[in-house]
Protein backbone atom coordinates (compact mmCIF):
# COMPACT_ATOMS: atom_id res chain seq x y z
CA MET A 1 15.37 -2.46 78.75
CA LYS A 2 17.65 -0.36 80.93
CA ALA A 3 17.15 3.36 81.51
CA TYR A 4 18.10 5.42 78.47
CA GLN A 5 21.71 6.64 78.30
CA PRO A 6 21.88 9.69 75.98
CA LEU A 7 24.60 10.13 73.38
CA SER A 8 27.00 13.02 73.63
CA CYS A 9 26.15 15.96 71.37
CA ASP A 10 29.18 15.45 69.11
CA LEU A 11 28.15 11.84 68.40
CA TYR A 12 24.50 12.82 67.91
CA ASP A 13 25.67 15.24 65.19
CA TYR A 14 26.80 12.29 63.05
CA LEU A 15 23.30 10.84 63.19
CA GLU A 16 21.85 14.19 62.13
CA ILE A 17 24.27 14.33 59.18
CA ALA A 18 23.31 10.77 58.19
CA CYS A 19 19.62 11.75 58.25
CA LEU A 20 20.18 15.04 56.42
CA TYR A 21 21.89 13.26 53.53
CA GLY A 22 19.74 10.12 53.77
CA TYR A 23 22.77 7.87 54.06
CA ARG A 24 22.38 4.14 53.84
CA LEU A 25 24.09 2.89 57.00
CA GLN A 26 25.68 -0.28 58.28
CA LEU A 27 24.52 -0.35 61.90
CA GLU A 28 26.29 -2.38 64.58
CA LEU A 29 24.20 -2.95 67.69
CA LEU A 30 25.38 -3.64 71.23
CA ASP A 31 23.82 -7.11 71.12
CA GLY A 32 26.25 -8.04 68.31
CA SER A 33 23.74 -7.89 65.47
CA THR A 34 24.17 -5.77 62.34
CA LEU A 35 21.79 -4.38 59.76
CA LYS A 36 21.69 -2.04 56.79
CA ALA A 37 19.09 0.70 56.46
CA ARG A 38 18.63 4.25 55.22
CA ALA A 39 18.67 6.99 57.90
CA GLN A 40 15.54 9.14 57.87
CA THR A 41 15.27 11.14 61.09
CA THR A 42 15.65 11.05 64.85
CA ARG A 43 12.82 11.39 67.31
CA THR A 44 12.34 11.71 71.05
CA SER A 45 9.76 9.81 73.08
CA ASN A 46 9.67 10.85 76.73
CA THR A 47 13.40 10.83 77.53
CA ASP A 48 14.39 8.18 74.96
CA GLU A 49 15.90 9.10 71.58
CA TRP A 50 15.40 6.95 68.49
CA LEU A 51 16.89 6.68 65.02
CA VAL A 52 14.18 6.21 62.39
CA LEU A 53 15.32 4.13 59.43
CA GLN A 54 13.97 2.57 56.26
CA SER A 55 15.19 -0.98 55.64
CA ASP A 56 14.46 -3.36 52.78
CA SER A 57 11.84 -4.99 55.01
CA GLY A 58 10.18 -1.69 56.02
CA PRO A 59 10.49 1.13 58.56
CA LEU A 60 12.20 0.56 61.88
CA GLU A 61 13.35 2.49 64.92
CA ILE A 62 16.40 1.83 67.09
CA ARG A 63 16.96 3.43 70.47
CA LEU A 64 20.21 5.38 70.22
CA ASP A 65 21.84 3.81 73.25
CA GLN A 66 21.58 0.39 71.55
CA LEU A 67 23.91 1.49 68.72
CA LEU A 68 27.54 0.44 68.90
CA ALA A 69 28.63 2.03 65.61
CA ILE A 70 27.42 3.37 62.28
CA THR A 71 29.19 3.31 58.93
CA PRO A 72 27.83 5.17 55.89
CA LEU A 73 27.65 2.97 52.80
CA ASP A 74 27.10 5.84 50.34
CA LYS A 75 30.17 7.32 48.66
CA PRO A 76 31.34 9.95 49.13
CA ALA A 77 30.17 10.33 52.72
CA ARG A 78 31.07 13.12 55.11
CA PHE A 79 32.38 10.68 57.72
CA GLY A 80 33.52 7.06 58.09
CA ARG A 81 32.76 4.50 60.78
CA ILE A 82 31.75 6.18 64.02
CA GLU A 83 31.76 4.26 67.29
CA LEU A 84 28.85 5.49 69.41
CA ALA A 85 29.31 3.23 72.45
CA ARG A 86 31.55 0.65 74.00
CA ARG A 87 30.53 -3.01 74.03
CA HIS A 88 30.60 -3.22 77.83
CA ARG A 89 27.60 -0.86 77.97
CA SER A 90 25.32 -3.59 76.59
CA ASN A 91 22.00 -4.63 78.12
């Protein structure tokens, strides 16, 4: 995996809101895959930042620079679909 590319602070704030409210999210990844999971928290390991989620199949973690977009599935949510990266930044 390539060196970690941090998110800007304003985009990171959306992830913190999702975790604070425990939103169930539709996640779009740079590799083209999608999944649904409930946001729990973020964590840092060395210089990498991760989103910790709970999916129907169990806990999972996704490195933040692998996220293309998030969309909260809970209504009402405090934001809509947020694009976190551009597709050309993929692996």
